[in-house]
Protein backbone atom coordinates (compact mmCIF):
# COMPACT_ATOMS: atom_id res chain seq x y z
CA MET A 1 88.67 -75.43 159.18
CA SER A 2 90.89 -77.38 161.26
CA PHE A 3 90.76 -80.01 164.07
CA PRO A 4 91.70 -78.66 167.66
CA LYS A 5 95.18 -78.56 168.32
CA ASP A 6 95.34 -81.22 170.98
CA PHE A 7 93.35 -83.69 168.83
CA LEU A 8 94.50 -87.28 169.33
CA TRP A 9 95.30 -88.83 165.84
CA GLY A 10 95.80 -92.33 166.28
CA VAL A 11 95.61 -95.92 164.64
CA ALA A 12 94.28 -99.26 166.27
CA THR A 13 94.90 -102.99 166.53
CA ALA A 14 94.00 -105.94 168.45
CA SER A 15 96.33 -108.71 169.96
CA TYR A 16 94.72 -111.50 168.50
CA GLN A 17 94.81 -110.08 164.96
CA VAL A 18 98.16 -108.68 164.89
CA GLU A 19 100.59 -110.46 167.32
CA GLY A 20 101.00 -114.31 166.49
CA ALA A 21 103.25 -116.29 168.47
CA VAL A 22 100.25 -118.01 170.02
CA HIS A 23 102.57 -120.79 171.35
CA GLU A 24 105.53 -118.66 172.55
CA ASP A 25 106.81 -117.28 176.01
CA GLY A 26 104.00 -119.23 178.21
CA ARG A 27 100.85 -117.63 176.50
CA GLY A 28 98.06 -119.62 177.33
CA LYS A 29 95.28 -120.86 174.83
CA THR A 30 92.38 -118.63 174.09
CA ILE A 31 88.70 -119.18 172.66
CA TRP A 32 90.21 -117.64 169.35
CA ASP A 33 92.88 -120.28 169.12
CA THR A 34 89.96 -123.26 169.69
CA PHE A 35 87.70 -121.58 167.63
CA CYS A 36 89.87 -121.57 164.56
CA GLU A 37 90.65 -125.07 164.96
CA LYS A 38 87.04 -125.71 164.46
CA PRO A 39 86.52 -126.76 160.63
CA GLY A 40 84.71 -124.32 158.63
CA ALA A 41 84.82 -121.77 161.34
CA ILE A 42 86.98 -119.42 159.48
CA LYS A 43 87.43 -118.93 155.94
CA ASN A 44 90.16 -120.71 154.36
CA GLY A 45 91.23 -122.65 157.44
CA ASP A 46 93.00 -119.40 158.70
CA SER A 47 94.18 -118.43 162.27
CA GLY A 48 95.99 -115.80 164.42
CA GLU A 49 98.77 -118.28 164.98
CA ILE A 50 101.19 -115.88 163.04
CA ALA A 51 99.00 -113.16 162.04
CA ILE A 52 101.58 -110.38 161.02
CA ASP A 53 104.04 -111.26 163.64
CA HIS A 54 103.80 -108.05 165.47
CA TYR A 55 105.34 -109.98 168.53
CA HIS A 56 108.35 -110.14 166.81
CA ARG A 57 108.45 -107.08 164.72
CA PHE A 58 106.70 -104.29 166.75
CA ARG A 59 109.83 -102.28 166.78
CA GLU A 60 109.44 -101.74 162.96
CA ASP A 61 105.81 -101.36 163.40
CA ILE A 62 106.52 -98.65 165.58
CA ALA A 63 109.00 -96.99 163.51
CA ILE A 64 106.49 -97.00 160.71
CA MET A 65 103.98 -95.23 162.80
CA LYS A 66 106.52 -92.70 164.08
CA ALA A 67 107.60 -91.85 160.40
CA MET A 68 103.71 -91.57 159.67
CA GLY A 69 103.49 -88.71 162.38
CA ILE A 70 100.78 -91.10 164.22
CA LYS A 71 100.14 -89.56 167.56
CA ALA A 72 98.57 -92.54 169.31
CA TYR A 73 98.35 -96.27 169.24
CA ARG A 74 95.58 -98.25 170.40
CA PHE A 75 96.59 -101.52 171.34
CA SER A 76 95.18 -104.52 173.40
CA PHE A 77 96.67 -106.89 176.02
CA ALA A 78 96.39 -110.57 175.45
CA TRP A 79 95.28 -111.58 178.81
CA SER A 80 96.41 -115.19 178.07
CA ARG A 81 99.91 -113.74 177.76
CA LEU A 82 99.98 -112.04 180.89
CA PHE A 83 97.60 -114.84 182.84
CA PRO A 84 97.77 -117.81 180.89
CA ASN A 85 94.90 -119.57 182.41
CA GLY A 86 92.87 -116.41 183.57
CA ASP A 87 93.98 -116.58 186.82
CA ALA A 88 96.20 -115.11 189.35
CA LYS A 89 99.11 -117.06 187.97
CA ARG A 90 101.43 -114.40 186.01
CA GLU A 91 103.39 -114.96 183.03
CA GLU A 92 106.62 -112.40 183.38
CA ARG A 93 107.49 -113.12 179.90
CA GLY A 94 104.26 -111.66 178.72
CA PHE A 95 104.71 -108.54 180.91
CA ASN A 96 108.27 -108.11 179.44
CA PHE A 97 106.85 -107.94 175.97
CA TYR A 98 104.45 -105.15 176.84
CA ASP A 99 106.76 -103.13 178.68
CA GLU A 100 108.99 -103.29 175.76
CA LEU A 101 106.18 -102.35 173.51
CA VAL A 102 104.67 -99.41 175.69
CA ASP A 103 108.36 -98.31 176.32
CA GLU A 104 109.40 -98.31 172.51
CA LEU A 105 106.00 -96.29 171.82
CA LEU A 106 106.60 -93.45 174.41
CA ALA A 107 110.14 -93.39 173.34
CA ALA A 108 109.01 -92.71 169.47
CA GLY A 109 106.30 -89.98 171.04
CA ILE A 110 103.50 -91.99 170.59
CA GLU A 111 100.91 -92.36 173.30
CA PRO A 112 99.79 -95.97 174.26
CA VAL A 113 96.07 -96.44 174.70
CA ALA A 114 95.22 -99.96 176.12
CA THR A 115 92.24 -102.22 175.66
CA LEU A 116 92.08 -104.89 178.32
CA TYR A 117 89.85 -107.38 176.62
CA HIS A 118 89.78 -107.49 172.60
CA TRP A 119 87.78 -110.82 172.26
CA ASP A 120 90.68 -113.37 173.55
CA LEU A 121 89.16 -114.75 176.61
CA PRO A 122 91.50 -117.48 178.24
CA GLN A 123 90.01 -120.85 177.35
CA PRO A 124 89.75 -121.89 180.84
CA LEU A 125 87.40 -119.13 181.65
CA GLU A 126 85.19 -120.33 178.80
CA ASP A 127 85.14 -123.64 180.31
CA ALA A 128 83.88 -122.25 183.30
CA GLY A 129 81.03 -121.00 181.74
CA GLY A 130 82.12 -117.80 179.96
CA TRP A 131 80.63 -114.43 179.55
CA PRO A 132 76.78 -115.87 179.84
CA THR A 133 77.96 -116.78 183.64
CA ARG A 134 79.50 -114.65 186.22
CA ALA A 135 82.77 -116.93 186.29
CA VAL A 136 84.66 -114.09 184.14
CA LEU A 137 83.75 -111.22 186.51
CA GLN A 138 86.04 -111.24 189.29
CA PRO A 139 89.26 -113.05 187.47
CA PHE A 140 88.43 -109.77 184.98
CA ALA A 141 88.25 -107.40 187.67
CA ASP A 142 91.53 -109.02 189.27
CA TYR A 143 93.32 -109.16 185.90
CA ALA A 144 92.40 -105.28 185.52
CA PHE A 145 94.00 -104.36 188.93
CA GLU A 146 97.39 -105.90 187.90
CA VAL A 147 97.76 -104.78 184.92
CA GLY A 148 96.63 -101.30 185.75
CA LYS A 149 98.91 -101.40 188.58
CA HIS A 150 101.95 -102.68 186.37
CA PHE A 151 101.40 -100.09 183.24
CA GLY A 152 99.65 -97.47 185.10
CA ASN A 153 102.30 -95.11 185.25
CA ARG A 154 102.98 -95.27 181.59
CA ILE A 155 99.59 -95.70 180.22
CA LYS A 156 96.80 -92.82 180.51
CA PHE A 157 93.80 -94.09 178.67
CA TRP A 158 92.13 -97.44 179.27
CA ALA A 159 89.02 -99.37 177.83
CA PRO A 160 88.48 -102.77 179.63
CA LEU A 161 86.22 -103.91 176.98
CA ASN A 162 86.13 -103.80 172.92
CA GLU A 163 82.74 -103.66 171.64
CA PRO A 164 80.70 -105.94 173.92
CA TRP A 165 77.50 -106.08 171.46
CA VAL A 166 80.02 -107.99 169.01
CA PHE A 167 81.37 -110.65 171.28
CA SER A 168 78.42 -111.02 173.37
CA TRP A 169 76.09 -111.58 170.31
CA LEU A 170 78.40 -113.20 167.55
CA GLY A 171 80.17 -115.18 170.32
CA TYR A 172 77.08 -116.74 172.00
CA GLY A 173 74.10 -115.72 169.96
CA THR A 174 74.95 -116.21 166.34
CA GLY A 175 78.11 -118.54 166.74
CA ALA A 176 80.04 -116.52 164.00
CA HIS A 177 82.61 -115.42 166.34
CA ALA A 178 84.55 -117.39 169.03
CA PRO A 179 83.55 -119.44 171.24
CA GLY A 180 81.00 -120.24 168.54
CA ARG A 181 77.73 -120.89 170.81
CA LYS A 182 74.15 -120.34 169.34
CA ASN A 183 71.72 -119.31 172.08
CA PHE A 184 70.43 -115.91 172.49
CA ASP A 185 69.66 -116.16 175.96
CA ASP A 186 73.05 -116.56 176.68
CA ALA A 187 73.94 -113.67 174.31
CA ILE A 188 71.75 -111.58 176.57
CA ARG A 189 73.22 -113.04 179.74
CA ALA A 190 76.51 -112.14 178.21
CA SER A 191 75.75 -108.83 177.33
CA HIS A 192 74.45 -107.88 181.00
CA HIS A 193 77.75 -109.62 182.53
CA THR A 194 79.80 -107.01 180.09
CA VAL A 195 78.18 -104.10 181.87
CA VAL A 196 79.14 -105.64 185.09
CA ALA A 197 82.57 -106.35 184.15
CA HIS A 198 83.41 -102.92 182.67
CA ASN A 199 82.38 -101.14 185.94
CA LEU A 200 84.29 -103.69 188.13
CA ALA A 201 87.46 -103.07 185.97
CA TYR A 202 86.80 -99.26 185.96
CA ARG A 203 86.98 -99.65 189.88
CA ALA A 204 89.91 -101.83 189.60
CA LEU A 205 92.04 -99.78 187.66
CA LYS A 206 91.04 -96.51 189.80
CA ARG A 207 92.26 -98.49 192.81
CA ALA A 208 95.36 -99.38 190.91
CA ASN A 209 96.17 -95.49 189.68
CA PRO A 210 93.54 -93.17 190.53
CA GLU A 211 94.75 -91.16 187.87
CA LEU A 212 94.05 -93.41 185.36
CA GLN A 213 91.28 -92.47 182.66
CA VAL A 214 88.69 -95.07 181.98
CA GLY A 215 85.75 -95.50 179.40
CA PRO A 216 84.03 -98.14 177.57
CA VAL A 217 84.44 -98.64 173.63
CA LEU A 218 81.09 -99.24 172.17
CA SER A 219 80.26 -100.36 168.64
CA GLN A 220 77.56 -98.02 167.42
CA THR A 221 75.20 -97.82 164.72
CA LEU A 222 72.03 -95.53 163.96
CA PRO A 223 68.65 -96.94 162.79
CA ASP A 224 68.54 -95.57 159.21
CA VAL A 225 64.47 -95.54 158.42
CA ASP A 226 63.13 -95.49 154.77
CA ASN A 227 59.81 -94.16 156.15
CA VAL A 228 59.37 -92.38 159.48
CA PHE A 229 55.53 -92.69 159.39
CA ASP A 230 55.52 -96.50 159.09
CA PRO A 231 54.68 -97.98 162.64
CA PHE A 232 56.73 -101.07 161.65
CA GLN A 233 59.77 -99.33 160.45
CA MET A 234 59.56 -97.11 163.66
CA LYS A 235 59.30 -99.89 165.73
CA VAL A 236 61.94 -102.12 164.38
CA ALA A 237 64.14 -98.67 164.47
CA LYS A 238 63.12 -98.38 168.27
CA TYR A 239 64.40 -102.19 169.20
CA LEU A 240 67.09 -102.21 166.92
CA ASP A 241 68.47 -99.01 168.61
CA ALA A 242 68.17 -100.61 172.04
CA HIS A 243 69.54 -103.77 170.94
CA ASN A 244 73.05 -101.82 169.51
CA ASN A 245 73.25 -98.63 171.26
CA THR A 246 70.98 -97.86 174.52
CA PHE A 247 71.51 -101.33 176.35
CA TRP A 248 75.16 -100.04 177.21
CA MET A 249 74.38 -96.31 177.01
CA GLU A 250 71.68 -96.50 179.59
CA ALA A 251 73.25 -99.15 181.74
CA LEU A 252 76.80 -97.32 181.84
CA PHE A 253 75.76 -93.75 182.09
CA ARG A 254 72.39 -93.72 184.18
CA GLY A 255 72.59 -97.64 185.58
CA LYS A 256 69.43 -98.90 184.29
CA TYR A 257 68.17 -100.53 180.91
CA PRO A 258 66.00 -98.70 178.89
CA ASP A 259 62.14 -99.85 178.18
CA ALA A 260 62.62 -101.18 174.75
CA VAL A 261 65.54 -103.54 176.19
CA ASN A 262 63.02 -104.58 178.96
CA GLU A 263 60.42 -105.46 176.43
CA MET A 264 62.80 -107.70 174.48
CA PHE A 265 64.99 -109.06 177.07
CA GLY A 266 63.45 -108.52 180.23
CA LYS A 267 62.52 -112.38 181.33
CA VAL A 268 66.02 -113.30 180.95
CA LEU A 269 67.71 -110.18 182.48
CA SER A 270 65.57 -110.58 185.58
CA ASP A 271 67.20 -113.81 186.25
CA VAL A 272 70.76 -112.58 186.13
CA ILE A 273 70.77 -109.05 187.55
CA GLU A 274 71.75 -109.14 190.99
CA PRO A 275 71.73 -106.16 193.36
CA GLY A 276 74.56 -103.36 192.72
CA ASP A 277 75.06 -104.86 189.05
CA LEU A 278 74.07 -101.68 187.40
CA GLU A 279 75.53 -98.95 189.75
CA PRO A 280 77.23 -96.66 187.52
CA VAL A 281 80.49 -95.10 187.77
CA LYS A 282 81.72 -91.79 186.48
CA GLN A 283 83.34 -92.64 182.92
CA ASP A 284 86.18 -90.70 181.90
CA TRP A 285 85.80 -90.77 178.28
CA ILE A 286 83.58 -92.94 175.68
CA GLY A 287 84.88 -94.57 172.73
CA ILE A 288 82.77 -95.12 169.64
CA ASN A 289 83.31 -97.73 167.14
CA TYR A 290 81.55 -96.80 163.92
CA TYR A 291 81.22 -98.14 160.57
CA PHE A 292 77.82 -97.76 159.13
CA ASN A 293 74.09 -97.24 159.80
CA ASN A 294 71.64 -100.06 159.74
CA ARG A 295 69.10 -99.49 157.37
CA VAL A 296 65.50 -100.33 158.31
CA GLY A 297 62.91 -100.73 155.31
CA HIS A 298 59.50 -102.08 154.92
CA GLU A 299 58.25 -105.49 156.48
CA VAL A 300 58.84 -108.69 154.47
CA PRO A 301 57.81 -112.13 154.65
CA SER A 302 59.83 -114.18 157.40
CA ASN A 303 61.74 -116.29 155.05
CA HIS A 304 63.13 -113.26 152.96
CA PRO A 305 66.84 -113.12 153.22
CA THR A 306 67.34 -109.78 155.18
CA ARG A 307 69.97 -107.93 157.45
CA GLY A 308 67.37 -108.43 160.23
CA ARG A 309 68.16 -111.88 160.96
CA ILE A 310 68.95 -111.59 164.22
CA PHE A 311 65.49 -109.58 164.98
CA ASP A 312 63.53 -112.30 162.99
CA LYS A 313 64.67 -115.00 165.55
CA LEU A 314 64.41 -112.59 168.72
CA LEU A 315 61.22 -110.72 167.99
CA GLY A 316 59.78 -112.16 164.53
CA LEU A 317 60.21 -108.57 162.96
CA SER A 318 61.37 -109.08 159.32
CA PHE A 319 62.33 -106.56 157.20
CA GLU A 320 64.12 -105.41 153.90
CA ALA A 321 67.41 -103.85 155.00
CA ALA A 322 68.85 -103.15 151.34
CA PRO A 323 71.29 -100.62 151.49
CA THR A 324 70.86 -97.34 149.04
CA THR A 325 74.35 -96.41 149.10
CA GLN A 326 78.02 -98.14 147.85
CA LEU A 327 78.99 -101.20 149.73
CA THR A 328 82.48 -101.92 151.33
CA ASP A 329 84.27 -105.22 150.81
CA MET A 330 82.32 -106.28 153.84
CA GLY A 331 79.11 -105.46 152.34
CA TRP A 332 78.65 -102.49 154.66
CA PRO A 333 77.01 -99.65 153.47
CA ILE A 334 78.89 -96.28 153.54
CA THR A 335 77.27 -93.80 155.65
CA PRO A 336 79.49 -91.27 156.85
CA GLN A 337 77.03 -88.42 158.04
CA GLY A 338 75.66 -91.08 160.54
CA LEU A 339 78.95 -90.69 162.69
CA GLY A 340 78.51 -86.97 163.31
CA ASP A 341 75.09 -87.55 163.76
CA LEU A 342 75.63 -90.28 166.43
CA CYS A 343 77.88 -87.99 168.41
CA LEU A 344 75.42 -85.18 168.21
CA ARG A 345 72.63 -87.30 169.17
CA TRP A 346 74.79 -88.57 172.56
CA THR A 347 75.17 -84.70 173.17
CA ALA A 348 71.82 -83.91 173.27
CA GLU A 349 70.62 -86.85 174.84
CA TYR A 350 73.32 -87.07 177.74
CA GLY A 351 74.45 -83.55 178.50
CA ASP A 352 76.74 -83.33 181.14
CA VAL A 353 76.51 -87.02 182.02
CA LEU A 354 78.70 -87.82 178.80
CA PRO A 355 82.45 -87.61 178.82
CA PRO A 356 84.55 -86.74 176.18
CA ILE A 357 84.27 -89.03 173.01
CA TYR A 358 86.92 -90.69 170.97
CA ILE A 359 86.27 -92.33 168.04
CA THR A 360 88.34 -95.62 168.96
CA GLU A 361 87.55 -97.44 165.59
CA ASN A 362 86.67 -96.42 161.81
CA GLY A 363 87.91 -97.77 158.82
CA VAL A 364 86.89 -99.68 155.47
CA ALA A 365 87.74 -103.12 153.95
CA ASN A 366 89.17 -102.34 150.59
CA ASP A 367 91.15 -105.08 148.65
CA THR A 368 93.35 -103.11 146.38
CA ASP A 369 96.38 -104.86 144.98
CA LYS A 370 100.06 -103.53 143.88
CA SER A 371 99.95 -101.46 141.02
CA ALA A 372 102.76 -101.96 138.17
CA ASP A 373 104.73 -99.02 140.04
CA GLY A 374 104.59 -101.26 143.41
CA LYS A 375 102.25 -99.03 145.45
CA ILE A 376 98.58 -99.58 146.33
CA HIS A 377 96.54 -96.71 145.18
CA ASP A 378 93.63 -97.20 147.48
CA THR A 379 91.67 -94.08 146.71
CA ALA A 380 88.46 -95.89 148.03
CA ARG A 381 89.92 -95.92 151.75
CA ILE A 382 90.94 -92.34 151.23
CA GLN A 383 87.30 -91.33 150.26
CA TYR A 384 86.01 -93.03 153.13
CA LEU A 385 88.02 -91.91 155.57
CA ASN A 386 87.93 -88.57 154.51
CA ASP A 387 84.45 -88.30 154.36
CA HIS A 388 84.25 -89.69 157.97
CA LEU A 389 86.71 -87.12 159.43
CA ARG A 390 84.75 -84.46 157.67
CA SER A 391 81.42 -85.62 159.48
CA ILE A 392 83.44 -85.65 162.81
CA ARG A 393 84.72 -82.21 162.03
CA ASP A 394 81.20 -80.94 161.40
CA ALA A 395 80.18 -82.21 164.66
CA ILE A 396 82.71 -80.87 166.57
CA SER A 397 81.63 -77.24 164.92
CA ALA A 398 77.99 -78.34 166.32
CA GLY A 399 78.90 -78.94 169.74
CA ALA A 400 80.12 -82.28 169.93
CA ASP A 401 83.41 -82.69 172.42
CA ILE A 402 84.96 -85.24 170.33
CA ARG A 403 88.81 -85.39 171.22
CA GLY A 404 90.44 -88.11 168.93
CA TYR A 405 90.32 -90.41 166.00
CA PHE A 406 91.93 -93.80 165.66
CA GLN A 407 91.84 -95.53 161.86
CA TRP A 408 91.04 -98.78 161.68
CA SER A 409 93.42 -100.66 161.20
CA LEU A 410 97.11 -99.61 161.00
CA PHE A 411 97.70 -102.84 159.13
CA ASP A 412 96.00 -105.49 157.06
CA ASN A 413 95.57 -108.49 159.68
CA PHE A 414 93.85 -111.48 160.63
CA GLU A 415 90.03 -110.44 160.27
CA TRP A 416 88.24 -113.03 162.68
CA GLY A 417 85.76 -115.10 160.64
CA PHE A 418 86.93 -113.82 157.48
CA GLY A 419 90.49 -114.70 158.06
CA TYR A 420 92.84 -112.82 155.65
CA GLU A 421 90.44 -112.31 152.94
CA LYS A 422 89.24 -108.59 153.98
CA ARG A 423 91.95 -105.69 154.51
CA PHE A 424 91.17 -102.83 156.41
CA GLY A 425 95.17 -101.58 156.78
CA ILE A 426 96.36 -98.55 155.65
CA VAL A 427 99.69 -100.39 155.69
CA HIS A 428 99.79 -103.09 153.18
CA VAL A 429 101.00 -106.56 154.84
CA ASP A 430 102.38 -109.23 152.15
CA TYR A 431 101.03 -112.55 154.35
CA GLU A 432 103.70 -114.73 152.81
CA THR A 433 106.95 -112.44 153.62
CA LEU A 434 105.13 -110.22 156.17
CA VAL A 435 106.68 -107.25 154.42
CA ARG A 436 104.76 -104.15 155.37
CA THR A 437 104.20 -101.60 152.65
CA PRO A 438 102.26 -98.29 153.07
CA LYS A 439 99.54 -97.65 151.11
CA ASP A 440 98.43 -94.38 149.40
CA SER A 441 95.72 -94.00 152.37
CA ALA A 442 98.97 -93.83 154.95
CA SER A 443 100.65 -91.01 153.31
CA TRP A 444 97.19 -89.24 152.97
CA TYR A 445 96.71 -90.01 156.74
CA SER A 446 99.87 -88.57 157.50
CA GLN A 447 99.12 -85.18 155.62
CA VAL A 448 95.73 -85.10 157.46
CA ILE A 449 97.46 -85.21 161.05
CA GLU A 450 100.38 -82.62 159.97
CA THR A 451 98.01 -80.40 158.89
CA ALA A 452 95.09 -80.90 161.80
CA GLY A 453 92.61 -81.82 159.21
CA GLN A 454 93.05 -78.60 156.90
CA SER A 455 93.97 -80.96 153.71
CA LEU A 456 90.75 -82.87 154.10
CA LEU A 457 89.30 -83.27 150.68
CA ASP A 458 85.97 -80.91 149.98
CA PRO A 459 83.18 -83.33 148.61
CA LYS A 460 82.63 -81.40 145.67
CA ILE A 461 86.38 -81.70 144.15
CA GLU A 462 87.10 -85.02 145.87
CA LYS A 463 85.89 -87.32 143.32
CA ASP A 464 87.92 -85.94 140.53
CA LEU A 465 90.92 -85.53 142.52
CA LEU A 466 90.88 -89.37 143.82
CA ALA A 467 90.50 -90.17 140.04
CA ASP A 468 93.75 -88.92 139.08
């Protein structure tokens, strides 16, 4: 069985992870520039100062995409490259760069898919309070309008924010990401403000050009419960699901927070919600970023090292979460069935309210060195992608309206707090020379695109084939 004829096959990157050139052409400082200066914040003291130099090599990179048969490229605008201080002052050299990028993509027959914010907040807006305050909201709406007005005649699909859970909780709750703050109440406030910001940006983009297709891009994961008859595990699963998923699903599609969110965060939320904050808009599409399911096991003592550390501190729920599957280089379990299950779940629960689904990120960290033949035989990545695409195809057959898939990531790049240690790319980058080398997975993905998925490996035979 093949995928639908008009299925959108893409790859994805993010500005800070690939562009480099952080001091060039008037770009302003961001929270990630600042965070990378903090000793110990990033593995090996790495930063995105050079990254993979996409800023200067984008034509070469687009040529690689074209040769692979890629149909769409999801990228993010660097807010500080267009408006260095996050205010109304424009930097035309930044607009010129993205003009050239978008025009080159279109000339290559590749559809640009734009994200307005992939975590690189202009530093002056963080200095004004950042996402836990309302200081970001109107500047973000103004930014969305100006960028939508400038590029809207060439870009159809727009996502205001990438993975609001991640930059709210890791940036303001745990401190693992920029700006490195550690206050769970601030993470809750930031989470709410991302809902407000998304809807403000949606309306701003529609004012700029009513034809634009605007939707949220959410990182999502299903709770994977060991024992559904264990009340403790089901309680953890309820709150984990609310924390990761339904906080944004309910707010964006139904204009309210679910009961489990109010049970966890109601006191803080009651102080920050203002009239009109949750008034929903009609989302044109939804992007799901999926990597793994969250395992939920039995209760353990509070000092036990678990994957539920955030929950330990929030709710005192300490649970064993040892995965029962193979792990990726990130230490994440491999659970491809969860992706299809997730799409079918939303299809059933939201019905006509749910717009078309696009898988906007899915990929695996796998550091495979070059072999003696000079090639990179990343068979583990091929198997991971193959199994997730089969899960998507099965979900489509079962009734989910999934219209596209964006592999993460096209290139090895700066992987946030891990620096350059973790490689998600289907194209290898030598960080010393910046030479790009397509891996076996790039050739495999090209074939999948060319055959509309008919070349996907059958699970019964893939192990033997991949071992050859």
